[in-house]
Amino acid sequence: MDERKAAEQSLENSDLWLGKIFQAQADAVIIVNLERKIVNLNQAAERMLGYSLKEIIDLPRQIFHVDEEHHARFSEYLDEAFQKGGAFQTEFEFKRKDGTTFPLEITFSPLIANQGKFLGLVGVARDITYRKQVEKELRESNRRLEVALSELQTTQQQVIQQERLRAIGTMASGIAHDFNNELFAILGYTELLLDNPETLKDIERVTKTLKEINVVAQGAAKVVGRLREFYRHREAGEVFQPLDIHPLIEQAISLTQPKWKDQALADGVTVNVMHEVADVPRFLGSESELRELLTNLIMNGVDAMPGGGTLSIRSMQKEDKVILEVSDTGTGMSEEVRRRCFEPFFSTKGERGTGLGLAMVYGIIKRHNGTIEIESELGKGTTFRVILPLQKETTSTVQGEAVVKRTIQGPFRIMVVEDEPRVRDIMTQYLTEDGHTVTAATNGREALEKFRPNTFDLIITDKAMPEMNGDKLASIIKQLEPRRPIILVSGFGDMMGTAGELPKDVDLVLSKPTTLTQLRAAIAKVTGT
């Protein structure tokens, strides 16, 4: 008898403790019976919903939902949980007694009696208004950060473009200077011949003058060709090509001449440029990027010598490294400037600089897996030492463009397509003098009207023409005669080659102006003769 009373007392104490635990929960606890009705809830649930237990028992469940759609969806989840006798978790918008709505996260678990009988569901609910607000603010913050990042990237690209345009402007002024000198010689020689007809009888003098004009004209073409050194399009995963550092140094010195010579002399100062090149083997790298690197270092050194001085460029090999040194006798750097000089947008030049020249140098060096060292002392100058790995060329390195070889014997039947009369006439005379039969057309559409299968051995076409350009013409001809060789002649030929923009239906691209020697070599290459 005593044992029975003890058991009953223990059960009553257990129920008492469970009731206290139920009410003490910080989260709302709701019990739903098999009829889908709320039969019990703790004080936290009453505070959250604004209803007492007595009020809730007499109210339909949809009173807590925002609308009928929410009620229907919630009921589906609840019915599925009852049918499977399992649990589910969801988030829903609920409505309080005062009509305000709030997001609720609720987890239902099965309520099981001692004998394993399924009695209903126990739901633990939490008001997640604060969490939702934080998530919303985080999404908005992320959106603002994305916008700011996009604006920063746009600004960075604009500043980089500004830096390159500044460099191009300096180079272009020198190129224009050199081109005008060449043009002066051409105009002078031709005027001397035209104004003095009697000199035309002197064959030796005329021949000499014409040779001079030809040499000067080729020099002018090279001057214009220097512009392409700043045109490049680097694709992701670009394969480095074998290169010789010596021509790069000479080109960089030539390209920056307007800065260290012409502009300096105009400002009343003298800058001497010296270079010492050791015997460095060819190695793999990006020609355009390393030229840009040297150009930036030279211009930076000249800027550091406002009163003039000496700029020295040296190259050498040390074990498996190629070393480039650019030294100036200028103002030197403080420790802080030396430490920060490669930071983007950091500049000591005021409005004259964007702070990206050395940052671009650093990026180029990193892409070549190299390093850079700086030695500087205030009042005594600075030395930049670029150290690059000596990656030697392999037999798998691809050089030049792929050209389909032909085995056609000349002289050839050639169609010349060119809209500029003088160029068309000169090209026709070139080919006719070599014994070829030439048919001329002024644009792509006229060329197609004259074209017949097996009528021409070779097509030579300009790129930019009215009505139909050379690319389109080549595409149509290749559809009609896939093996017919086509040479594209363009004033942008060098730039197209540098950028890797060779049309797929063209066998070879020639740059204007084209010499007879270059034209002969191109014909031989595409015909295999």
Protein backbone atom coordinates (compact mmCIF):
# COMPACT_ATOMS: atom_id res chain seq x y z
CA MET A 1 0.00 0.00 0.00
CA ASP A 2 2.82 2.38 0.88
CA GLU A 3 4.51 1.67 -2.46
CA ARG A 4 1.34 2.51 -4.40
CA LYS A 5 0.93 5.86 -2.62
CA ALA A 6 4.57 6.63 -3.28
CA ALA A 7 4.13 5.95 -7.00
CA GLU A 8 1.04 8.14 -7.22
CA GLN A 9 2.85 10.93 -5.38
CA SER A 10 5.82 10.60 -7.72
CA LEU A 11 3.52 10.84 -10.77
CA GLU A 12 1.83 13.95 -9.39
CA ASN A 13 5.22 15.54 -8.74
CA SER A 14 6.32 14.61 -12.28
CA ASP A 15 3.26 16.24 -13.86
CA LEU A 16 3.84 19.29 -11.68
CA TRP A 17 7.43 19.63 -12.85
CA LEU A 18 6.48 19.07 -16.49
CA GLY A 19 3.87 21.83 -16.22
CA LYS A 20 6.43 24.21 -14.76
CA ILE A 21 8.92 23.36 -17.52
CA PHE A 22 6.19 23.82 -20.14
CA GLN A 23 5.39 27.31 -18.88
CA ALA A 24 9.03 28.29 -18.35
CA GLN A 25 9.99 27.81 -22.01
CA ALA A 26 11.20 31.07 -23.65
CA ASP A 27 9.88 29.90 -27.01
CA ALA A 28 6.17 29.55 -27.64
CA VAL A 29 4.91 25.95 -27.20
CA ILE A 30 1.59 24.92 -28.76
CA ILE A 31 -0.16 21.54 -28.54
CA VAL A 32 -2.54 20.50 -31.35
CA ASN A 33 -4.85 17.47 -30.98
CA LEU A 34 -5.98 15.00 -33.62
CA GLU A 35 -8.84 17.33 -34.62
CA ARG A 36 -6.21 19.97 -35.59
CA LYS A 37 -7.33 22.19 -32.71
CA ILE A 38 -5.06 24.03 -30.28
CA VAL A 39 -5.66 22.49 -26.85
CA ASN A 40 -2.83 23.99 -24.87
CA LEU A 41 -0.10 26.64 -25.09
CA ASN A 42 2.36 28.19 -22.73
CA GLN A 43 2.60 31.79 -21.54
CA ALA A 44 5.21 32.64 -24.15
CA ALA A 45 2.73 31.64 -26.86
CA GLU A 46 0.01 33.78 -25.24
CA ARG A 47 2.31 36.80 -25.21
CA MET A 48 3.41 36.22 -28.80
CA LEU A 49 -0.11 35.81 -30.22
CA GLY A 50 -1.91 38.18 -27.86
CA TYR A 51 -4.58 35.58 -26.96
CA SER A 52 -5.12 33.65 -23.76
CA LEU A 53 -5.50 29.87 -23.78
CA LYS A 54 -9.28 30.18 -23.17
CA GLU A 55 -9.68 32.57 -26.15
CA ILE A 56 -7.62 30.42 -28.51
CA ILE A 57 -9.51 27.20 -27.75
CA ASP A 58 -12.77 28.84 -28.93
CA LEU A 59 -11.26 30.47 -32.07
CA PRO A 60 -10.92 28.97 -35.57
CA ARG A 61 -7.29 28.34 -36.54
CA GLN A 62 -7.44 30.56 -39.64
CA ILE A 63 -7.72 33.58 -37.35
CA PHE A 64 -3.92 33.43 -36.97
CA HIS A 65 -3.17 33.47 -40.71
CA VAL A 66 -2.66 36.49 -42.92
CA ASP A 67 -5.09 35.31 -45.61
CA GLU A 68 -6.87 32.26 -46.96
CA GLU A 69 -3.92 31.27 -49.12
CA HIS A 70 -1.59 31.16 -46.11
CA HIS A 71 -4.19 29.21 -44.13
CA ALA A 72 -4.61 26.63 -46.90
CA ARG A 73 -0.87 26.09 -47.29
CA PHE A 74 -0.31 25.76 -43.54
CA SER A 75 -3.20 23.29 -43.28
CA GLU A 76 -1.64 21.14 -46.03
CA TYR A 77 1.63 20.93 -44.10
CA LEU A 78 -0.24 20.12 -40.89
CA ASP A 79 -2.38 17.43 -42.53
CA GLU A 80 0.70 15.79 -44.05
CA ALA A 81 2.41 15.73 -40.66
CA PHE A 82 -0.65 14.10 -39.05
CA GLN A 83 -0.96 11.52 -41.83
CA LYS A 84 2.68 10.51 -41.52
CA GLY A 85 2.79 10.91 -37.75
CA GLY A 86 6.01 12.82 -38.16
CA ALA A 87 7.53 16.27 -37.79
CA PHE A 88 7.93 19.28 -40.03
CA GLN A 89 9.41 22.75 -39.87
CA THR A 90 8.32 25.85 -41.75
CA GLU A 91 8.24 29.63 -41.75
CA PHE A 92 4.96 31.54 -42.06
CA GLU A 93 3.47 34.96 -41.63
CA PHE A 94 1.14 34.89 -38.57
CA LYS A 95 -1.32 37.47 -37.27
CA ARG A 96 -1.62 38.67 -33.66
CA LYS A 97 -4.80 39.63 -31.85
CA ASP A 98 -4.13 43.33 -32.55
CA GLY A 99 -3.97 42.63 -36.31
CA THR A 100 -0.21 43.05 -36.73
CA THR A 101 1.64 40.37 -38.64
CA PHE A 102 5.04 38.84 -37.99
CA PRO A 103 7.22 36.03 -39.39
CA LEU A 104 7.17 32.84 -37.33
CA GLU A 105 9.45 29.82 -37.46
CA ILE A 106 7.64 26.76 -36.09
CA THR A 107 8.80 23.17 -35.61
CA PHE A 108 6.20 20.43 -35.00
CA SER A 109 7.02 17.08 -33.40
CA PRO A 110 4.72 14.09 -32.72
CA LEU A 111 3.09 13.85 -29.26
CA ILE A 112 3.23 10.17 -28.18
CA ALA A 113 1.50 8.60 -25.12
CA ASN A 114 3.14 6.03 -22.83
CA GLN A 115 1.65 3.17 -24.82
CA GLY A 116 3.05 4.63 -28.07
CA LYS A 117 -0.26 6.07 -29.13
CA PHE A 118 -0.13 9.15 -31.40
CA LEU A 119 -2.07 11.96 -29.69
CA GLY A 120 -1.20 15.02 -31.81
CA LEU A 121 1.62 17.49 -32.42
CA VAL A 122 3.75 19.72 -30.23
CA GLY A 123 4.84 22.91 -31.91
CA VAL A 124 7.75 25.09 -30.79
CA ALA A 125 7.51 28.55 -32.35
CA ARG A 126 9.81 31.56 -32.45
CA ASP A 127 9.24 35.12 -33.62
CA ILE A 128 11.92 35.71 -36.28
CA THR A 129 11.11 39.37 -37.02
CA TYR A 130 14.58 40.49 -35.92
CA ARG A 131 16.30 37.76 -37.94
CA LYS A 132 14.33 38.65 -41.05
CA GLN A 133 15.18 42.31 -40.61
CA VAL A 134 18.86 41.47 -40.23
CA GLU A 135 18.70 39.28 -43.35
CA LYS A 136 17.00 42.07 -45.28
CA GLU A 137 19.59 44.60 -44.14
CA LEU A 138 22.36 42.15 -45.02
CA ARG A 139 20.93 41.65 -48.52
CA GLU A 140 20.64 45.40 -48.97
CA SER A 141 24.16 45.85 -47.66
CA ASN A 142 25.43 43.21 -50.10
CA ARG A 143 23.56 44.92 -52.93
CA ARG A 144 25.14 48.27 -52.05
CA LEU A 145 28.56 46.61 -51.83
CA GLU A 146 28.07 45.03 -55.26
CA VAL A 147 27.09 48.41 -56.71
CA ALA A 148 30.08 50.07 -55.02
CA LEU A 149 32.42 47.32 -56.28
CA SER A 150 31.06 47.69 -59.80
CA GLU A 151 31.53 51.47 -59.64
CA LEU A 152 35.04 51.00 -58.25
CA GLN A 153 35.95 48.58 -61.04
CA THR A 154 34.56 50.99 -63.62
CA THR A 155 36.52 53.86 -62.09
CA GLN A 156 39.66 51.74 -61.97
CA GLN A 157 39.32 50.84 -65.65
CA GLN A 158 38.78 54.50 -66.51
CA VAL A 159 41.89 55.53 -64.58
CA ILE A 160 43.93 52.75 -66.18
CA GLN A 161 42.69 53.92 -69.57
CA GLN A 162 43.62 57.48 -68.64
CA GLU A 163 47.14 56.32 -67.70
CA ARG A 164 47.55 54.51 -70.99
CA LEU A 165 46.13 57.39 -72.98
CA ARG A 166 48.63 59.69 -71.26
CA ALA A 167 51.44 57.38 -72.32
CA ILE A 168 50.02 57.07 -75.84
CA GLY A 169 49.72 60.85 -76.07
CA THR A 170 53.38 61.22 -75.22
CA MET A 171 54.36 58.54 -77.73
CA ALA A 172 52.05 59.91 -80.43
CA SER A 173 53.61 63.37 -80.19
CA GLY A 174 57.01 61.84 -80.88
CA ILE A 175 55.64 59.66 -83.67
CA ALA A 176 54.01 62.70 -85.30
CA HIS A 177 57.33 64.56 -84.98
CA ASP A 178 59.26 61.74 -86.66
CA PHE A 179 56.59 61.19 -89.32
CA ASN A 180 56.59 64.88 -90.25
CA ASN A 181 60.37 64.73 -90.70
CA GLU A 182 59.96 61.77 -93.10
CA LEU A 183 57.07 63.49 -94.88
CA PHE A 184 59.16 66.64 -95.30
CA ALA A 185 61.83 64.60 -97.10
CA ILE A 186 59.27 62.96 -99.42
CA LEU A 187 57.61 66.27 -100.29
CA GLY A 188 60.99 67.94 -100.75
CA TYR A 189 62.39 65.33 -103.15
CA THR A 190 59.20 65.14 -105.24
CA GLU A 191 58.91 68.95 -105.49
CA LEU A 192 62.53 69.22 -106.62
CA LEU A 193 61.80 66.77 -109.44
CA LEU A 194 58.50 68.35 -110.44
CA ASP A 195 59.76 71.96 -110.31
CA ASN A 196 62.85 71.18 -112.36
CA PRO A 197 61.73 69.03 -115.35
CA GLU A 198 65.18 69.24 -116.89
CA THR A 199 66.55 67.11 -114.04
CA LEU A 200 64.38 64.22 -115.24
CA LYS A 201 66.81 63.75 -118.11
CA ASP A 202 69.56 62.94 -115.59
CA ILE A 203 68.80 59.26 -115.09
CA GLU A 204 71.43 58.81 -112.40
CA ARG A 205 70.14 61.75 -110.36
CA VAL A 206 66.48 60.67 -110.76
CA THR A 207 67.32 57.11 -109.74
CA LYS A 208 69.19 58.32 -106.69
CA THR A 209 66.34 60.64 -105.72
CA LEU A 210 63.74 57.90 -106.15
CA LYS A 211 65.81 55.58 -103.98
CA GLU A 212 65.93 58.25 -101.29
CA ILE A 213 62.15 58.70 -101.50
CA ASN A 214 61.67 54.93 -101.22
CA VAL A 215 63.92 54.70 -98.15
CA VAL A 216 62.21 57.66 -96.48
CA ALA A 217 58.75 56.22 -97.25
CA GLN A 218 59.71 52.90 -95.64
CA GLY A 219 60.94 54.84 -92.63
CA ALA A 220 57.59 56.64 -92.43
CA ALA A 221 55.81 53.28 -92.51
CA LYS A 222 57.93 52.09 -89.60
CA VAL A 223 57.11 55.25 -87.66
CA VAL A 224 53.38 54.60 -88.06
CA GLY A 225 53.96 50.95 -87.19
CA ARG A 226 55.25 52.00 -83.78
CA LEU A 227 51.69 52.95 -82.84
CA ARG A 228 50.69 49.30 -82.76
CA GLU A 229 53.07 48.65 -79.88
CA PHE A 230 50.39 50.07 -77.59
CA TYR A 231 47.56 48.05 -79.11
CA ARG A 232 47.17 44.66 -77.51
CA HIS A 233 44.43 42.37 -76.33
CA ARG A 234 45.50 39.88 -73.71
CA GLU A 235 43.29 36.81 -73.45
CA ALA A 236 43.05 34.71 -70.32
CA GLY A 237 45.58 31.89 -70.45
CA GLU A 238 47.70 33.60 -73.11
CA VAL A 239 50.74 31.49 -74.03
CA PHE A 240 53.99 33.45 -73.74
CA GLN A 241 56.10 33.66 -76.87
CA PRO A 242 59.91 33.52 -77.22
CA LEU A 243 61.42 36.98 -77.30
CA ASP A 244 64.71 38.86 -77.28
CA ILE A 245 65.07 41.53 -74.60
CA HIS A 246 67.46 43.74 -76.60
CA PRO A 247 64.95 44.96 -79.24
CA LEU A 248 62.43 45.59 -76.46
CA ILE A 249 64.87 47.90 -74.68
CA GLU A 250 65.64 49.76 -77.91
CA GLN A 251 61.93 50.11 -78.72
CA ALA A 252 61.12 51.38 -75.23
CA ILE A 253 63.89 53.98 -75.47
CA SER A 254 62.65 55.05 -78.91
CA LEU A 255 59.02 55.20 -77.84
CA THR A 256 59.83 57.36 -74.81
CA GLN A 257 62.18 59.69 -76.68
CA PRO A 258 59.59 62.52 -76.79
CA LYS A 259 59.53 62.40 -72.97
CA TRP A 260 63.24 62.23 -72.14
CA LYS A 261 64.57 64.22 -75.11
CA ASP A 262 62.09 66.47 -76.94
CA GLN A 263 59.97 67.49 -73.94
CA ALA A 264 63.02 67.75 -71.65
CA LEU A 265 64.89 69.99 -74.10
CA ALA A 266 61.78 72.13 -74.49
CA ASP A 267 61.79 72.55 -70.69
CA GLY A 268 65.45 73.52 -70.73
CA VAL A 269 66.84 70.35 -69.13
CA THR A 270 69.00 67.52 -70.45
CA VAL A 271 68.33 63.84 -69.79
CA ASN A 272 70.95 61.35 -70.95
CA VAL A 273 69.78 57.79 -71.60
CA MET A 274 72.37 55.02 -71.51
CA HIS A 275 71.89 51.29 -71.92
CA GLU A 276 74.17 48.32 -71.36
CA VAL A 277 72.93 44.97 -72.63
CA ALA A 278 74.64 41.71 -71.83
CA ASP A 279 74.20 38.57 -73.91
CA VAL A 280 70.81 37.35 -72.61
CA PRO A 281 69.26 34.29 -74.31
CA ARG A 282 65.72 34.36 -75.70
CA PHE A 283 63.06 33.53 -73.14
CA LEU A 284 59.28 33.22 -72.92
CA GLY A 285 57.19 36.27 -72.12
CA SER A 286 54.63 38.78 -73.36
CA GLU A 287 56.37 41.21 -75.70
CA SER A 288 53.73 43.94 -75.39
CA GLU A 289 53.57 43.71 -71.59
CA LEU A 290 57.34 43.82 -71.09
CA ARG A 291 57.56 46.76 -73.49
CA GLU A 292 54.89 48.51 -71.42
CA LEU A 293 56.85 47.67 -68.26
CA LEU A 294 60.07 49.21 -69.60
CA THR A 295 58.21 52.24 -70.95
CA ASN A 296 56.60 52.93 -67.57
CA LEU A 297 59.89 52.54 -65.70
CA ILE A 298 61.67 54.91 -68.11
CA MET A 299 58.94 57.54 -67.87
CA ASN A 300 58.86 57.20 -64.09
CA GLY A 301 62.64 57.70 -63.97
CA VAL A 302 62.46 60.82 -66.17
CA ASP A 303 59.71 62.25 -63.92
CA ALA A 304 62.07 61.73 -60.97
CA MET A 305 64.69 64.00 -62.62
CA PRO A 306 62.92 67.36 -63.10
CA GLY A 307 66.28 69.12 -63.32
CA GLY A 308 67.79 66.60 -65.73
CA GLY A 309 70.20 63.73 -65.14
CA THR A 310 71.13 60.28 -66.39
CA LEU A 311 68.87 57.28 -66.92
CA SER A 312 70.64 53.92 -67.21
CA ILE A 313 69.09 50.69 -68.50
CA ARG A 314 70.93 47.42 -68.04
CA SER A 315 70.14 43.79 -68.82
CA MET A 316 71.99 40.70 -67.68
CA GLN A 317 71.64 37.02 -66.93
CA LYS A 318 72.24 35.58 -63.48
CA GLU A 319 71.89 31.80 -63.29
CA ASP A 320 68.34 31.03 -64.45
CA LYS A 321 67.12 34.64 -64.18
CA VAL A 322 66.89 37.58 -66.56
CA ILE A 323 67.59 40.86 -64.78
CA LEU A 324 66.53 44.30 -66.01
CA GLU A 325 67.67 47.43 -64.19
CA VAL A 326 66.37 50.96 -64.74
CA SER A 327 68.30 53.57 -62.70
CA ASP A 328 67.95 57.33 -62.46
CA THR A 329 69.99 60.05 -60.74
CA GLY A 330 66.89 61.86 -59.54
CA THR A 331 65.30 62.85 -56.26
CA GLY A 332 65.11 59.36 -54.79
CA MET A 333 62.40 57.96 -52.52
CA SER A 334 61.66 58.16 -48.83
CA GLU A 335 61.10 54.87 -47.03
CA GLU A 336 57.33 55.42 -47.02
CA VAL A 337 57.21 56.16 -50.75
CA ARG A 338 59.41 53.16 -51.50
CA ARG A 339 57.09 50.95 -49.45
CA ARG A 340 53.90 52.25 -51.09
CA CYS A 341 54.97 53.03 -54.66
CA PHE A 342 53.31 49.91 -56.13
CA GLU A 343 49.95 50.62 -54.50
CA PRO A 344 47.23 51.49 -57.05
CA PHE A 345 46.39 55.23 -57.08
CA PHE A 346 49.37 56.14 -54.87
CA SER A 347 51.27 58.99 -56.51
CA THR A 348 53.68 61.75 -55.55
CA LYS A 349 53.20 63.60 -58.85
CA GLY A 350 50.00 65.43 -57.96
CA GLU A 351 47.74 66.06 -60.95
CA ARG A 352 50.43 64.80 -63.35
CA GLY A 353 50.03 61.20 -62.27
CA THR A 354 47.29 58.65 -61.63
CA GLY A 355 49.33 56.34 -59.40
CA LEU A 356 48.84 53.37 -61.73
CA GLY A 357 52.09 53.30 -63.73
CA LEU A 358 54.09 51.31 -61.18
CA ALA A 359 51.01 49.31 -60.14
CA MET A 360 50.75 48.14 -63.76
CA VAL A 361 54.48 47.31 -63.72
CA TYR A 362 53.98 45.20 -60.60
CA GLY A 363 51.05 43.34 -62.17
CA ILE A 364 53.05 42.55 -65.32
CA ILE A 365 55.95 41.21 -63.25
CA LYS A 366 53.62 38.97 -61.23
CA ARG A 367 52.04 37.59 -64.43
CA HIS A 368 55.56 36.64 -65.52
CA ASN A 369 56.23 34.96 -62.12
CA GLY A 370 58.95 37.50 -61.44
CA THR A 371 59.96 39.84 -58.62
CA ILE A 372 61.10 43.45 -58.35
CA GLU A 373 63.58 45.12 -56.03
CA ILE A 374 64.03 48.83 -55.30
CA GLU A 375 67.18 50.61 -54.18
CA SER A 376 66.71 54.30 -53.48
CA GLU A 377 68.27 57.12 -51.51
CA LEU A 378 66.95 60.64 -51.17
CA GLY A 379 68.86 63.04 -53.39
CA LYS A 380 70.84 60.25 -55.10
CA GLY A 381 68.33 58.42 -57.28
CA THR A 382 66.53 55.10 -57.60
CA THR A 383 67.16 51.72 -59.18
CA PHE A 384 64.32 49.35 -60.11
CA ARG A 385 65.57 45.79 -60.55
CA VAL A 386 63.20 43.42 -62.37
CA ILE A 387 64.00 39.70 -61.97
CA LEU A 388 62.25 37.32 -64.38
CA PRO A 389 62.56 33.54 -64.65
CA LEU A 390 64.48 32.41 -67.71
CA GLN A 391 61.80 30.19 -69.23
CA LYS A 392 63.39 28.94 -72.40
CA GLU A 393 61.38 28.34 -75.55
CA THR A 394 60.45 24.77 -76.39
CA THR A 395 59.87 23.00 -79.68
CA SER A 396 56.11 23.11 -79.00
CA THR A 397 56.05 26.93 -79.08
CA VAL A 398 53.79 28.14 -81.88
CA GLN A 399 55.25 30.89 -84.05
CA GLY A 400 53.58 32.81 -86.86
CA GLU A 401 50.20 32.21 -88.43
CA ALA A 402 49.05 28.97 -89.97
CA VAL A 403 48.88 29.16 -93.76
CA VAL A 404 47.46 26.51 -96.08
CA LYS A 405 50.20 25.57 -98.53
CA ARG A 406 49.40 25.52 -102.26
CA THR A 407 51.23 24.05 -105.22
CA ILE A 408 50.11 26.41 -108.00
CA GLN A 409 52.65 27.38 -110.66
CA GLY A 410 52.81 31.04 -111.72
CA PRO A 411 52.25 33.40 -113.35
CA PHE A 412 48.84 33.64 -111.72
CA ARG A 413 45.38 34.91 -112.53
CA ILE A 414 44.78 37.36 -109.69
CA MET A 415 41.79 39.46 -108.71
CA VAL A 416 42.66 42.68 -106.87
CA VAL A 417 39.80 44.18 -104.83
CA GLU A 418 40.53 47.72 -103.60
CA ASP A 419 38.33 50.83 -103.35
CA GLU A 420 41.21 53.36 -103.25
CA PRO A 421 42.16 54.12 -106.91
CA ARG A 422 45.85 54.88 -106.32
CA VAL A 423 46.39 51.78 -104.20
CA ARG A 424 44.49 49.65 -106.73
CA ASP A 425 46.60 51.06 -109.58
CA ILE A 426 49.92 50.48 -107.79
CA MET A 427 48.93 46.94 -106.80
CA THR A 428 47.89 46.18 -110.38
CA GLN A 429 51.19 47.53 -111.74
CA TYR A 430 53.16 45.51 -109.16
CA LEU A 431 51.49 42.29 -110.28
CA THR A 432 51.42 43.02 -114.01
CA GLU A 433 55.15 43.82 -114.04
CA ASP A 434 55.73 40.37 -112.51
CA GLY A 435 53.80 38.74 -115.37
CA HIS A 436 50.51 38.02 -113.59
CA THR A 437 47.09 38.55 -115.19
CA VAL A 438 45.12 41.01 -113.07
CA THR A 439 41.40 41.71 -112.83
CA ALA A 440 40.52 44.72 -110.68
CA ALA A 441 37.34 45.40 -108.67
CA THR A 442 36.44 48.44 -106.57
CA ASN A 443 34.59 46.58 -103.77
CA GLY A 444 33.42 43.17 -102.63
CA ARG A 445 30.11 43.28 -104.48
CA GLU A 446 31.77 44.07 -107.83
CA ALA A 447 34.33 41.33 -107.14
CA LEU A 448 31.56 38.75 -106.71
CA GLU A 449 29.99 39.85 -110.00
CA LYS A 450 33.32 39.17 -111.76
CA PHE A 451 34.13 36.00 -109.81
CA ARG A 452 33.63 32.61 -111.47
CA PRO A 453 34.81 29.24 -110.08
CA ASN A 454 38.25 28.20 -111.40
CA THR A 455 38.74 31.62 -112.99
CA PHE A 456 41.27 33.03 -110.49
CA ASP A 457 44.28 31.45 -108.79
CA LEU A 458 44.43 34.06 -106.00
CA ILE A 459 42.31 36.84 -104.47
CA ILE A 460 43.97 39.94 -102.96
CA THR A 461 41.43 42.14 -101.19
CA ASP A 462 41.30 45.24 -99.04
CA LYS A 463 39.51 44.95 -95.69
CA ALA A 464 37.49 48.16 -95.32
CA MET A 465 35.40 48.85 -98.45
CA PRO A 466 31.91 50.21 -99.17
CA GLU A 467 28.97 47.88 -99.95
CA MET A 468 30.89 44.71 -98.97
CA ASN A 469 34.11 44.49 -96.95
CA GLY A 470 36.97 42.08 -97.45
CA ASP A 471 36.01 39.76 -94.58
CA LYS A 472 32.57 39.12 -96.06
CA LEU A 473 33.98 38.67 -99.55
CA ALA A 474 36.50 36.12 -98.28
CA SER A 475 33.76 34.21 -96.45
CA ILE A 476 31.60 33.93 -99.59
CA ILE A 477 34.51 32.92 -101.84
CA LYS A 478 35.64 30.24 -99.37
CA GLN A 479 32.13 28.76 -99.47
CA LEU A 480 32.36 28.54 -103.26
CA GLU A 481 36.01 27.48 -103.44
CA PRO A 482 37.34 26.40 -100.00
CA ARG A 483 40.92 25.97 -101.24
CA ARG A 484 41.20 29.29 -103.08
CA PRO A 485 43.99 31.34 -101.37
CA ILE A 486 42.98 34.81 -100.16
CA ILE A 487 45.30 37.60 -99.00
CA LEU A 488 43.78 40.45 -96.97
CA VAL A 489 45.55 43.82 -97.21
CA SER A 490 44.77 46.35 -94.48
CA GLY A 491 46.16 49.47 -92.86
CA PHE A 492 45.35 47.74 -89.56
CA GLY A 493 47.18 44.52 -90.45
CA ASP A 494 49.84 44.86 -87.73
CA MET A 495 47.25 45.66 -85.09
CA MET A 496 45.08 42.71 -86.18
CA GLY A 497 48.07 40.39 -85.85
CA THR A 498 48.98 41.76 -82.42
CA ALA A 499 45.41 41.34 -81.18
CA GLY A 500 44.97 37.89 -82.72
CA GLU A 501 42.02 39.11 -84.81
CA LEU A 502 42.83 37.35 -88.09
CA PRO A 503 39.66 36.50 -90.08
CA LYS A 504 39.05 32.76 -90.30
CA ASP A 505 38.50 32.76 -94.09
CA VAL A 506 41.73 34.61 -94.90
CA ASP A 507 45.01 32.79 -95.49
CA LEU A 508 47.35 35.71 -94.81
CA VAL A 509 47.15 39.38 -93.76
CA LEU A 510 49.42 42.08 -95.19
CA SER A 511 49.81 45.53 -93.69
CA LYS A 512 49.63 48.72 -95.70
CA PRO A 513 51.80 50.21 -97.05
CA THR A 514 52.91 47.04 -98.81
CA THR A 515 56.17 46.85 -100.74
CA LEU A 516 56.66 44.77 -103.88
CA THR A 517 59.04 42.50 -101.97
CA GLN A 518 56.45 41.89 -99.25
CA LEU A 519 53.74 41.21 -101.84
CA ARG A 520 55.92 38.69 -103.68
CA ALA A 521 56.72 36.90 -100.40
CA ALA A 522 53.04 36.75 -99.46
CA ILE A 523 52.04 35.30 -102.85
CA ALA A 524 54.79 32.70 -102.60
CA LYS A 525 53.68 31.74 -99.12
CA VAL A 526 50.00 31.15 -99.88
CA THR A 527 50.64 29.43 -103.21
CA GLY A 528 53.57 27.30 -102.06
CA THR A 529 55.80 28.52 -104.89
